[in-house]
Amino acid sequence: MTKIEVLGTGCAKCKRLFANTEQAIKELNITVDLVKIEKLDEITERGVMMTPALIIDDEIAAEGRVPDVKEIKAMLTV
């Protein structure tokens, strides 16, 4: 199963990334393990220096920006 982590401290961009990710998952009709990580120490443990960030299967897919739903869908169908 694909593991997706959305990292961010709760800012508007972080919330938008989580919503875009949920929408992409819904549109693709796939089952994933989606986790939201808000604790700063857990974010830095993953090597992320800028939030929001999107990690797919332990690889940073986006950092410091909010990909739109179309881009996230493309990341998930590679």
N, C-alpha and C. Protein backbone atom coordinates (compact mmCIF):
# COMPACT_ATOMS: atom_id res chain seq x y z
N MET A 1 0.84 -1.18 0.00
CA MET A 1 0.00 0.00 0.00
C MET A 1 0.88 1.24 0.00
N THR A 2 0.47 2.21 -0.77
CA THR A 2 1.21 3.47 -0.85
C THR A 2 1.06 4.24 0.46
N LYS A 3 2.18 4.76 0.94
CA LYS A 3 2.18 5.57 2.16
C LYS A 3 2.43 7.03 1.77
N ILE A 4 1.51 7.90 2.18
CA ILE A 4 1.62 9.32 1.87
C ILE A 4 1.63 10.10 3.18
N GLU A 5 2.61 11.00 3.30
CA GLU A 5 2.70 11.87 4.46
C GLU A 5 2.63 13.32 4.00
N VAL A 6 1.75 14.07 4.63
CA VAL A 6 1.67 15.51 4.39
C VAL A 6 2.27 16.17 5.62
N LEU A 7 3.34 16.93 5.41
CA LEU A 7 4.06 17.56 6.52
C LEU A 7 3.82 19.06 6.53
N GLY A 8 3.45 19.56 7.69
CA GLY A 8 3.25 20.99 7.84
C GLY A 8 2.75 21.29 9.24
N THR A 9 2.99 22.51 9.67
CA THR A 9 2.67 22.89 11.04
C THR A 9 1.23 23.36 11.22
N GLY A 10 0.43 23.32 10.18
CA GLY A 10 -0.97 23.71 10.29
C GLY A 10 -1.31 25.03 9.61
N CYS A 11 -0.39 25.56 8.84
CA CYS A 11 -0.63 26.81 8.13
C CYS A 11 -1.64 26.58 6.98
N ALA A 12 -2.09 27.65 6.36
CA ALA A 12 -3.07 27.56 5.28
C ALA A 12 -2.55 26.71 4.12
N LYS A 13 -1.28 26.89 3.76
CA LYS A 13 -0.71 26.11 2.65
C LYS A 13 -0.67 24.62 3.00
N CYS A 14 -0.36 24.32 4.24
CA CYS A 14 -0.30 22.92 4.69
C CYS A 14 -1.68 22.28 4.60
N LYS A 15 -2.69 23.02 5.01
CA LYS A 15 -4.06 22.52 4.95
C LYS A 15 -4.50 22.32 3.51
N ARG A 16 -4.09 23.24 2.62
CA ARG A 16 -4.44 23.12 1.21
C ARG A 16 -3.77 21.90 0.58
N LEU A 17 -2.52 21.64 0.95
CA LEU A 17 -1.83 20.46 0.43
C LEU A 17 -2.54 19.19 0.88
N PHE A 18 -2.96 19.13 2.13
CA PHE A 18 -3.67 17.96 2.63
C PHE A 18 -4.98 17.78 1.86
N ALA A 19 -5.72 18.87 1.65
CA ALA A 19 -6.99 18.80 0.91
C ALA A 19 -6.76 18.37 -0.53
N ASN A 20 -5.73 18.92 -1.17
CA ASN A 20 -5.42 18.53 -2.56
C ASN A 20 -5.06 17.05 -2.64
N THR A 21 -4.32 16.57 -1.66
CA THR A 21 -3.92 15.16 -1.63
C THR A 21 -5.14 14.27 -1.45
N GLU A 22 -6.01 14.64 -0.53
CA GLU A 22 -7.25 13.87 -0.33
C GLU A 22 -8.08 13.83 -1.61
N GLN A 23 -8.18 14.97 -2.30
CA GLN A 23 -8.96 15.04 -3.54
C GLN A 23 -8.34 14.15 -4.62
N ALA A 24 -7.02 14.17 -4.74
CA ALA A 24 -6.33 13.34 -5.74
C ALA A 24 -6.58 11.86 -5.46
N ILE A 25 -6.51 11.47 -4.21
CA ILE A 25 -6.75 10.08 -3.83
C ILE A 25 -8.18 9.68 -4.18
N LYS A 26 -9.11 10.58 -3.88
CA LYS A 26 -10.52 10.31 -4.17
C LYS A 26 -10.76 10.16 -5.66
N GLU A 27 -10.19 11.08 -6.46
CA GLU A 27 -10.38 11.04 -7.91
C GLU A 27 -9.75 9.80 -8.54
N LEU A 28 -8.62 9.35 -7.98
CA LEU A 28 -7.97 8.14 -8.49
C LEU A 28 -8.62 6.86 -7.96
N ASN A 29 -9.47 7.02 -6.94
CA ASN A 29 -10.15 5.89 -6.32
C ASN A 29 -9.16 4.81 -5.89
N ILE A 30 -8.15 5.25 -5.12
CA ILE A 30 -7.13 4.33 -4.63
C ILE A 30 -7.14 4.30 -3.10
N THR A 31 -6.60 3.24 -2.56
CA THR A 31 -6.47 3.10 -1.12
C THR A 31 -5.02 3.36 -0.75
N VAL A 32 -4.82 4.31 0.15
CA VAL A 32 -3.47 4.66 0.60
C VAL A 32 -3.49 4.82 2.11
N ASP A 33 -2.30 4.86 2.67
CA ASP A 33 -2.12 5.18 4.08
C ASP A 33 -1.73 6.65 4.13
N LEU A 34 -2.70 7.53 4.44
CA LEU A 34 -2.47 8.98 4.45
C LEU A 34 -2.30 9.47 5.88
N VAL A 35 -1.17 10.15 6.13
CA VAL A 35 -0.86 10.63 7.48
C VAL A 35 -0.49 12.11 7.39
N LYS A 36 -0.97 12.87 8.37
CA LYS A 36 -0.61 14.29 8.47
C LYS A 36 0.36 14.44 9.63
N ILE A 37 1.51 15.06 9.37
CA ILE A 37 2.54 15.23 10.39
C ILE A 37 2.71 16.71 10.66
N GLU A 38 2.47 17.12 11.92
CA GLU A 38 2.53 18.53 12.27
C GLU A 38 3.63 18.88 13.26
N LYS A 39 4.22 17.89 13.92
CA LYS A 39 5.26 18.17 14.91
C LYS A 39 6.58 18.47 14.20
N LEU A 40 7.18 19.60 14.55
CA LEU A 40 8.39 20.07 13.89
C LEU A 40 9.53 19.07 13.96
N ASP A 41 9.70 18.39 15.10
CA ASP A 41 10.80 17.43 15.21
C ASP A 41 10.58 16.24 14.27
N GLU A 42 9.33 15.82 14.09
CA GLU A 42 9.05 14.72 13.16
C GLU A 42 9.25 15.16 11.71
N ILE A 43 8.97 16.42 11.42
CA ILE A 43 9.17 16.95 10.07
C ILE A 43 10.66 16.97 9.74
N THR A 44 11.48 17.50 10.64
CA THR A 44 12.91 17.59 10.37
C THR A 44 13.58 16.22 10.35
N GLU A 45 13.05 15.25 11.10
CA GLU A 45 13.58 13.88 11.06
C GLU A 45 13.51 13.29 9.66
N ARG A 46 12.55 13.76 8.87
CA ARG A 46 12.37 13.24 7.52
C ARG A 46 13.20 14.00 6.49
N GLY A 47 14.01 14.93 6.95
CA GLY A 47 14.89 15.67 6.04
C GLY A 47 14.23 16.85 5.35
N VAL A 48 13.06 17.24 5.81
CA VAL A 48 12.33 18.35 5.21
C VAL A 48 12.74 19.65 5.90
N MET A 49 13.11 20.64 5.09
CA MET A 49 13.52 21.93 5.63
C MET A 49 12.48 23.02 5.37
N MET A 50 11.58 22.80 4.41
CA MET A 50 10.54 23.78 4.08
C MET A 50 9.20 23.08 4.02
N THR A 51 8.21 23.69 4.67
CA THR A 51 6.86 23.13 4.60
C THR A 51 5.99 24.04 3.74
N PRO A 52 4.92 23.52 3.20
CA PRO A 52 4.46 22.16 3.33
C PRO A 52 5.31 21.21 2.50
N ALA A 53 5.20 19.94 2.82
CA ALA A 53 5.93 18.92 2.06
C ALA A 53 5.04 17.69 1.89
N LEU A 54 5.28 17.00 0.79
CA LEU A 54 4.54 15.78 0.48
C LEU A 54 5.56 14.66 0.31
N ILE A 55 5.39 13.60 1.08
CA ILE A 55 6.28 12.45 0.99
C ILE A 55 5.45 11.25 0.53
N ILE A 56 5.92 10.60 -0.52
CA ILE A 56 5.24 9.42 -1.05
C ILE A 56 6.21 8.26 -0.94
N ASP A 57 5.80 7.23 -0.21
CA ASP A 57 6.64 6.05 0.01
C ASP A 57 8.07 6.44 0.43
N ASP A 58 8.17 7.29 1.43
CA ASP A 58 9.43 7.72 2.05
C ASP A 58 10.33 8.56 1.17
N GLU A 59 9.81 9.09 0.05
CA GLU A 59 10.59 9.98 -0.81
C GLU A 59 9.88 11.33 -0.89
N ILE A 60 10.65 12.41 -0.74
CA ILE A 60 10.07 13.75 -0.80
C ILE A 60 9.64 14.03 -2.24
N ALA A 61 8.34 14.23 -2.43
CA ALA A 61 7.79 14.49 -3.76
C ALA A 61 7.62 15.99 -4.01
N ALA A 62 7.38 16.75 -2.95
CA ALA A 62 7.24 18.21 -3.06
C ALA A 62 7.62 18.82 -1.72
N GLU A 63 8.30 19.96 -1.79
CA GLU A 63 8.74 20.62 -0.56
C GLU A 63 8.69 22.13 -0.75
N GLY A 64 8.05 22.82 0.20
CA GLY A 64 7.99 24.27 0.15
C GLY A 64 6.99 24.83 -0.84
N ARG A 65 6.08 23.98 -1.32
CA ARG A 65 5.06 24.44 -2.28
C ARG A 65 3.84 23.53 -2.19
N VAL A 66 2.76 23.96 -2.84
CA VAL A 66 1.52 23.19 -2.83
C VAL A 66 1.20 22.73 -4.24
N PRO A 67 1.50 21.47 -4.57
CA PRO A 67 1.13 20.96 -5.89
C PRO A 67 -0.39 20.90 -6.01
N ASP A 68 -0.90 21.14 -7.24
CA ASP A 68 -2.33 21.04 -7.42
C ASP A 68 -2.75 19.57 -7.53
N VAL A 69 -4.05 19.34 -7.57
CA VAL A 69 -4.59 17.98 -7.59
C VAL A 69 -4.06 17.19 -8.79
N LYS A 70 -4.02 17.83 -9.94
CA LYS A 70 -3.54 17.17 -11.16
C LYS A 70 -2.10 16.68 -11.00
N GLU A 71 -1.24 17.52 -10.42
CA GLU A 71 0.16 17.14 -10.23
C GLU A 71 0.30 16.00 -9.22
N ILE A 72 -0.49 16.05 -8.16
CA ILE A 72 -0.43 14.98 -7.15
C ILE A 72 -0.91 13.66 -7.77
N LYS A 73 -1.95 13.73 -8.59
CA LYS A 73 -2.43 12.52 -9.27
C LYS A 73 -1.33 11.92 -10.15
N ALA A 74 -0.59 12.77 -10.83
CA ALA A 74 0.51 12.30 -11.67
C ALA A 74 1.59 11.65 -10.83
N MET A 75 1.88 12.20 -9.66
CA MET A 75 2.88 11.61 -8.76
C MET A 75 2.46 10.23 -8.29
N LEU A 76 1.17 10.06 -8.09
CA LEU A 76 0.66 8.80 -7.55
C LEU A 76 0.46 7.72 -8.61
N THR A 77 0.54 8.08 -9.86
CA THR A 77 0.31 7.09 -10.93
C THR A 77 1.59 6.74 -11.67
N VAL A 78 2.72 7.14 -11.14
CA VAL A 78 4.01 6.84 -11.79
C VAL A 78 4.35 5.38 -11.58
